[in-house]
Amino acid sequence: MTTPSALAAPRARTSARDPWWRRLLGTQPLGLGMSLPYIVFLAVVMAYPLGYAVYISFFDYVFTAPGVHADHPFVGLANYRAVLSDPRVLGSFANIAVFLIINVPLTVILSMVLASALNSLTRWTAAFRVAFYVPYVTASVSLIGVWMLMFSQDGLVNSILGPLAPDPSWLVNSHLAMPSIALFVTWKQLGFYVLLYLAALQNVPKELYESAQVDGAGAAKRFLHITVPGVRSTTLLVLILAIITGSNLFTEPYLLTNGGGPDGASASPVLLIYQKGIQQGNPDLASAIGVILVILVGLLSLISTRLTKED
């Protein structure tokens, strides 16, 4: 009688005798070949710049004109000590923490609730999907112009609030500038996350809702005990995307608050990377900020993965 181990032995010997290129590419090299352009794209656009930024962060580095050579002495952790002792850098990380505390929970809760409501509609579903998605695909510059008019000192929002309007106004108020940006980004990107949840809800069996309704479960209980667990994997995706997008905040503070104002109250780490690396000619300090930001985003993503991990 032939045993499984006896069957496995010839298979292993055959595998060991395969040419090196087959062992390297696997049994389906066509799949690797089709994904090769994207692998090259990731290597050129993401992996190489990240590795080069890590390298620059350990040197006293300056950009030079083509053909001009300049010494780049090794300085170890000096750049990291410099940025971590800079109040503007620490303030930018504190600003982005405020942004994430407001933006991420709002994004997850609102997109899940709106997707669940849209999923239960029988009419006008396509119209609502388009209405939610239009801000996401609209150019940020045009939307920011509208928001600046709405939240200016004499804007629509302050006219509605009347005596309750803040003074100074929203975008020039050191306490309200970053929360205002967080609300803008939440509104603009909400449609994308709503569509993600809508796609996930198609995989939640309708029978579960029907059974729960027969058993007397209300809408809130069906949402908490069926919808939320049923889209757990999508929630993890939304969390990670919202964290990454929020941590890379640049356009909104650059345009809405004129470069991170007032007095740096809405400056983000990526905005400081641009200012230090491009405007001030300190790519070594900018790279150090970028490396720290990547590490923090990775830690936040890991924590999100652990918190949403299924039992």
Protein backbone atom coordinates (compact mmCIF):
# COMPACT_ATOMS: atom_id res chain seq x y z
CA MET A 1 0.00 0.00 0.00
CA THR A 2 1.39 3.39 -1.00
CA THR A 3 1.68 5.85 1.84
CA PRO A 4 1.31 9.65 1.55
CA SER A 5 4.97 10.05 2.45
CA ALA A 6 5.96 7.78 -0.42
CA LEU A 7 3.89 9.91 -2.80
CA ALA A 8 5.39 13.10 -1.45
CA ALA A 9 9.00 11.94 -1.85
CA PRO A 10 9.04 11.80 -5.67
CA ARG A 11 7.25 15.14 -5.79
CA ALA A 12 9.93 16.70 -3.58
CA ARG A 13 12.73 15.14 -5.66
CA THR A 14 11.12 16.42 -8.84
CA SER A 15 10.87 19.89 -7.33
CA ALA A 16 14.53 19.79 -6.32
CA ARG A 17 15.53 18.85 -9.86
CA ASP A 18 13.65 21.77 -11.44
CA PRO A 19 15.82 24.50 -13.01
CA TRP A 20 16.64 27.47 -10.83
CA TRP A 21 14.41 29.82 -12.78
CA ARG A 22 11.37 27.62 -12.15
CA ARG A 23 12.13 27.43 -8.43
CA LEU A 24 12.50 31.22 -8.41
CA LEU A 25 9.38 32.05 -10.46
CA GLY A 26 7.17 29.24 -9.15
CA THR A 27 4.78 27.05 -11.08
CA GLN A 28 2.86 30.00 -12.56
CA PRO A 29 5.45 32.50 -13.88
CA LEU A 30 2.80 34.16 -16.03
CA GLY A 31 1.14 35.65 -12.96
CA LEU A 32 4.43 37.08 -11.74
CA GLY A 33 5.10 38.48 -15.20
CA MET A 34 1.73 40.24 -15.32
CA SER A 35 2.31 41.79 -11.88
CA LEU A 36 5.91 42.76 -12.69
CA PRO A 37 5.04 46.28 -14.02
CA TYR A 38 3.29 47.15 -10.75
CA ILE A 39 6.17 45.69 -8.72
CA VAL A 40 8.59 47.88 -10.67
CA PHE A 41 6.30 50.87 -10.14
CA LEU A 42 6.24 50.29 -6.37
CA ALA A 43 10.00 49.85 -6.28
CA VAL A 44 10.71 53.02 -8.27
CA VAL A 45 8.03 55.31 -6.86
CA MET A 46 7.83 54.12 -3.24
CA ALA A 47 10.57 51.74 -2.11
CA TYR A 48 13.54 53.62 -3.58
CA PRO A 49 12.46 57.10 -2.36
CA LEU A 50 11.76 55.72 1.12
CA GLY A 51 15.13 53.98 1.29
CA TYR A 52 16.89 57.09 -0.01
CA ALA A 53 15.09 59.25 2.57
CA VAL A 54 16.30 56.94 5.36
CA TYR A 55 19.84 57.24 3.98
CA ILE A 56 19.69 61.05 3.75
CA SER A 57 18.38 61.34 7.32
CA PHE A 58 21.73 60.12 8.69
CA PHE A 59 23.84 62.64 6.77
CA ASP A 60 24.37 66.39 6.61
CA TYR A 61 22.82 66.53 3.16
CA VAL A 62 22.13 69.34 0.73
CA PHE A 63 20.85 69.29 -2.84
CA THR A 64 23.30 70.49 -5.45
CA ALA A 65 23.15 71.39 -9.11
CA PRO A 66 23.82 68.59 -11.64
CA GLY A 67 27.55 67.93 -11.92
CA VAL A 68 28.39 69.71 -8.67
CA HIS A 69 29.86 67.55 -5.92
CA ALA A 70 29.40 68.33 -2.23
CA ASP A 71 30.48 66.39 0.83
CA HIS A 72 27.72 64.80 2.87
CA PRO A 73 29.29 63.93 6.24
CA PHE A 74 27.67 61.24 8.37
CA VAL A 75 25.96 62.78 11.43
CA GLY A 76 24.22 59.74 12.91
CA LEU A 77 21.07 60.65 14.82
CA ALA A 78 21.78 64.40 14.88
CA ASN A 79 18.99 65.17 12.41
CA TYR A 80 16.50 63.19 14.49
CA ARG A 81 17.56 65.01 17.66
CA ALA A 82 17.21 68.32 15.83
CA VAL A 83 13.67 67.69 14.59
CA LEU A 84 12.50 66.13 17.86
CA SER A 85 13.69 69.23 19.73
CA ASP A 86 12.01 71.61 17.28
CA PRO A 87 8.74 72.97 18.75
CA ARG A 88 7.26 73.41 15.25
CA VAL A 89 7.82 69.75 14.41
CA LEU A 90 6.36 68.56 17.70
CA GLY A 91 3.46 70.93 17.21
CA SER A 92 2.78 69.52 13.74
CA PHE A 93 2.57 65.99 15.12
CA ALA A 94 0.22 67.24 17.84
CA ASN A 95 -1.90 68.91 15.14
CA ILE A 96 -2.13 65.72 13.11
CA ALA A 97 -3.09 63.82 16.28
CA VAL A 98 -6.00 66.25 16.75
CA PHE A 99 -6.93 65.75 13.10
CA LEU A 100 -6.91 61.94 13.36
CA ILE A 101 -8.90 61.95 16.61
CA ILE A 102 -11.66 63.89 14.84
CA ASN A 103 -11.40 62.53 11.30
CA VAL A 104 -10.94 58.77 11.76
CA PRO A 105 -13.90 58.04 14.09
CA LEU A 106 -16.18 60.34 12.08
CA THR A 107 -15.12 58.68 8.84
CA VAL A 108 -15.73 55.14 10.10
CA ILE A 109 -19.04 55.86 11.86
CA LEU A 110 -20.60 58.13 9.23
CA SER A 111 -19.56 56.01 6.24
CA MET A 112 -20.83 52.81 7.87
CA VAL A 113 -24.16 54.37 8.91
CA LEU A 114 -24.72 56.03 5.54
CA ALA A 115 -23.79 52.86 3.65
CA SER A 116 -26.20 50.85 5.78
CA ALA A 117 -28.96 53.38 5.14
CA LEU A 118 -28.27 53.41 1.39
CA ASN A 119 -28.20 49.61 1.32
CA SER A 120 -31.72 49.51 2.73
CA LEU A 121 -33.16 51.96 0.19
CA THR A 122 -35.23 50.70 -2.71
CA ARG A 123 -35.45 53.98 -4.67
CA TRP A 124 -33.00 56.74 -5.62
CA THR A 125 -30.04 54.58 -4.56
CA ALA A 126 -27.89 55.50 -7.56
CA ALA A 127 -28.62 59.22 -7.13
CA PHE A 128 -27.54 59.16 -3.48
CA ARG A 129 -24.38 57.22 -4.32
CA VAL A 130 -23.41 59.81 -6.91
CA ALA A 131 -24.23 62.66 -4.52
CA PHE A 132 -21.91 61.23 -1.87
CA TYR A 133 -19.14 60.41 -4.35
CA VAL A 134 -19.03 63.73 -6.25
CA PRO A 135 -17.04 65.65 -3.56
CA TYR A 136 -14.40 62.89 -3.53
CA VAL A 137 -13.69 63.18 -7.27
CA THR A 138 -13.94 66.98 -7.36
CA ALA A 139 -10.67 68.91 -7.34
CA SER A 140 -9.68 69.97 -3.83
CA VAL A 141 -8.79 73.49 -4.97
CA SER A 142 -12.35 74.26 -6.09
CA LEU A 143 -13.90 72.79 -2.94
CA ILE A 144 -11.46 74.64 -0.71
CA GLY A 145 -12.46 77.91 -2.36
CA VAL A 146 -16.11 77.22 -1.48
CA TRP A 147 -15.23 76.33 2.11
CA MET A 148 -13.12 79.46 2.53
CA LEU A 149 -16.12 81.54 1.49
CA MET A 150 -18.46 79.62 3.80
CA PHE A 151 -16.20 79.78 6.87
CA SER A 152 -14.79 83.28 6.43
CA GLN A 153 -15.58 86.08 8.88
CA ASP A 154 -18.58 87.21 6.79
CA GLY A 155 -19.35 83.76 5.40
CA LEU A 156 -22.55 81.74 5.36
CA VAL A 157 -21.76 79.72 8.49
CA ASN A 158 -21.09 82.77 10.65
CA SER A 159 -24.19 84.49 9.24
CA ILE A 160 -26.32 81.53 10.35
CA LEU A 161 -24.67 81.34 13.78
CA GLY A 162 -24.98 85.07 14.36
CA PRO A 163 -23.74 85.98 17.86
CA LEU A 164 -22.58 82.36 18.37
CA ALA A 165 -20.00 82.65 15.58
CA PRO A 166 -16.41 82.30 16.82
CA ASP A 167 -14.12 85.30 16.88
CA PRO A 168 -11.55 85.00 15.32
CA SER A 169 -13.30 83.02 12.63
CA TRP A 170 -12.90 79.30 11.98
CA LEU A 171 -9.84 79.12 9.72
CA VAL A 172 -7.89 81.88 11.47
CA ASN A 173 -8.65 80.61 14.97
CA SER A 174 -5.76 78.67 16.52
CA HIS A 175 -8.20 76.35 18.34
CA LEU A 176 -10.61 75.74 15.46
CA ALA A 177 -8.38 75.68 12.38
CA MET A 178 -7.38 72.02 12.57
CA PRO A 179 -10.87 70.76 13.58
CA SER A 180 -12.27 72.73 10.63
CA ILE A 181 -9.80 71.02 8.29
CA ALA A 182 -10.72 67.65 9.78
CA LEU A 183 -14.40 68.26 9.07
CA PHE A 184 -13.61 69.32 5.50
CA VAL A 185 -11.53 66.20 4.79
CA THR A 186 -14.17 63.95 6.39
CA TRP A 187 -16.89 65.43 4.18
CA LYS A 188 -14.77 65.32 1.02
CA GLN A 189 -13.63 61.70 1.35
CA LEU A 190 -16.82 60.26 2.84
CA GLY A 191 -18.21 59.10 -0.50
CA PHE A 192 -15.24 56.81 -1.18
CA TYR A 193 -15.59 55.03 2.16
CA VAL A 194 -19.35 54.79 1.77
CA LEU A 195 -18.82 52.88 -1.48
CA LEU A 196 -16.37 50.53 0.27
CA TYR A 197 -18.95 49.72 2.94
CA LEU A 198 -21.69 49.34 0.34
CA ALA A 199 -19.60 46.72 -1.45
CA ALA A 200 -18.96 44.92 1.84
CA LEU A 201 -22.65 44.92 2.77
CA GLN A 202 -23.46 42.94 -0.38
CA ASN A 203 -21.68 39.98 1.24
CA VAL A 204 -23.75 40.12 4.45
CA PRO A 205 -26.62 37.59 4.04
CA LYS A 206 -30.05 39.22 3.94
CA GLU A 207 -31.42 36.23 5.85
CA LEU A 208 -29.60 37.39 8.98
CA TYR A 209 -31.50 40.68 8.97
CA GLU A 210 -34.79 38.93 8.28
CA SER A 211 -34.26 36.40 11.08
CA ALA A 212 -33.28 39.12 13.53
CA GLN A 213 -36.34 41.16 12.59
CA VAL A 214 -38.59 38.13 13.11
CA ASP A 215 -37.01 37.65 16.55
CA GLY A 216 -37.94 41.23 17.44
CA ALA A 217 -34.55 42.93 17.03
CA GLY A 218 -34.84 46.62 16.24
CA ALA A 219 -32.85 48.55 13.68
CA ALA A 220 -30.16 49.53 16.20
CA LYS A 221 -29.62 45.95 17.36
CA ARG A 222 -29.50 44.66 13.78
CA PHE A 223 -26.91 47.29 12.97
CA LEU A 224 -24.72 46.55 16.01
CA HIS A 225 -24.95 42.77 15.95
CA ILE A 226 -25.11 42.03 12.21
CA THR A 227 -23.82 44.98 10.18
CA VAL A 228 -20.83 45.94 12.33
CA PRO A 229 -19.41 42.38 12.64
CA GLY A 230 -20.24 41.64 9.01
CA VAL A 231 -18.06 44.47 7.67
CA ARG A 232 -15.20 44.11 10.17
CA SER A 233 -12.56 43.55 7.48
CA THR A 234 -13.74 46.64 5.59
CA THR A 235 -13.61 48.64 8.82
CA LEU A 236 -9.94 47.70 9.16
CA LEU A 237 -9.32 48.85 5.58
CA VAL A 238 -11.15 52.14 6.21
CA LEU A 239 -9.21 52.71 9.44
CA ILE A 240 -5.83 52.17 7.78
CA LEU A 241 -6.70 54.28 4.72
CA ALA A 242 -8.04 57.11 6.89
CA ILE A 243 -4.92 57.05 9.08
CA ILE A 244 -2.56 57.05 6.10
CA THR A 245 -4.51 59.77 4.28
CA GLY A 246 -4.77 61.95 7.38
CA SER A 247 -1.11 61.56 8.26
CA ASN A 248 -0.18 62.73 4.75
CA LEU A 249 -2.26 65.89 5.06
CA PHE A 250 -0.83 68.68 2.93
CA THR A 251 -3.17 70.35 0.43
CA GLU A 252 -5.83 71.37 2.96
CA PRO A 253 -3.62 73.24 5.47
CA TYR A 254 -1.51 74.65 2.63
CA LEU A 255 -4.55 76.24 0.96
CA LEU A 256 -7.23 76.57 3.63
CA THR A 257 -5.04 78.17 6.29
CA ASN A 258 -2.34 79.72 4.08
CA GLY A 259 0.44 77.28 4.89
CA GLY A 260 -0.44 75.95 8.33
CA GLY A 261 -1.64 79.11 10.06
CA PRO A 262 -2.47 80.72 12.30
CA ASP A 263 1.02 80.57 13.79
CA GLY A 264 1.48 76.89 12.91
CA ALA A 265 -1.79 75.77 14.54
CA SER A 266 -2.76 73.73 11.46
CA ALA A 267 0.69 72.75 10.18
CA SER A 268 1.13 69.06 9.39
CA PRO A 269 4.34 66.99 9.28
CA VAL A 270 4.12 66.68 5.48
CA LEU A 271 3.75 70.45 5.18
CA LEU A 272 6.90 70.89 7.29
CA ILE A 273 8.69 68.32 5.10
CA TYR A 274 7.86 70.50 2.09
CA GLN A 275 8.93 73.70 3.84
CA LYS A 276 12.19 72.32 5.22
CA GLY A 277 13.15 70.16 2.26
CA ILE A 278 12.08 72.34 -0.68
CA GLN A 279 11.73 75.91 0.54
CA GLN A 280 14.55 75.96 3.13
CA GLY A 281 16.93 73.49 1.46
CA ASN A 282 17.28 71.06 4.38
CA PRO A 283 16.43 67.64 2.91
CA ASP A 284 18.21 65.86 5.77
CA LEU A 285 15.84 67.32 8.36
CA ALA A 286 12.86 66.77 6.07
CA SER A 287 13.85 63.12 5.61
CA ALA A 288 14.13 62.64 9.37
CA ILE A 289 10.58 63.99 9.81
CA GLY A 290 9.38 61.67 7.05
CA VAL A 291 10.98 58.59 8.60
CA ILE A 292 9.43 59.38 11.98
CA LEU A 293 6.05 59.86 10.31
CA VAL A 294 6.31 56.51 8.50
CA ILE A 295 7.14 54.74 11.77
CA LEU A 296 4.21 56.36 13.59
CA VAL A 297 1.77 55.53 10.78
CA GLY A 298 2.98 51.94 10.79
CA LEU A 299 2.44 51.70 14.55
CA LEU A 300 -1.06 53.18 14.28
CA SER A 301 -1.92 50.76 11.47
CA LEU A 302 -0.65 47.84 13.56
CA ILE A 303 -2.74 48.96 16.53
CA SER A 304 -5.82 49.27 14.28
CA THR A 305 -5.21 45.75 12.97
CA ARG A 306 -5.02 44.35 16.50
CA LEU A 307 -8.12 46.22 17.66
CA THR A 308 -10.26 45.03 14.76
CA LYS A 309 -8.88 41.49 14.71
CA GLU A 310 -11.60 38.86 14.83
CA ASP A 311 -11.69 36.62 17.88
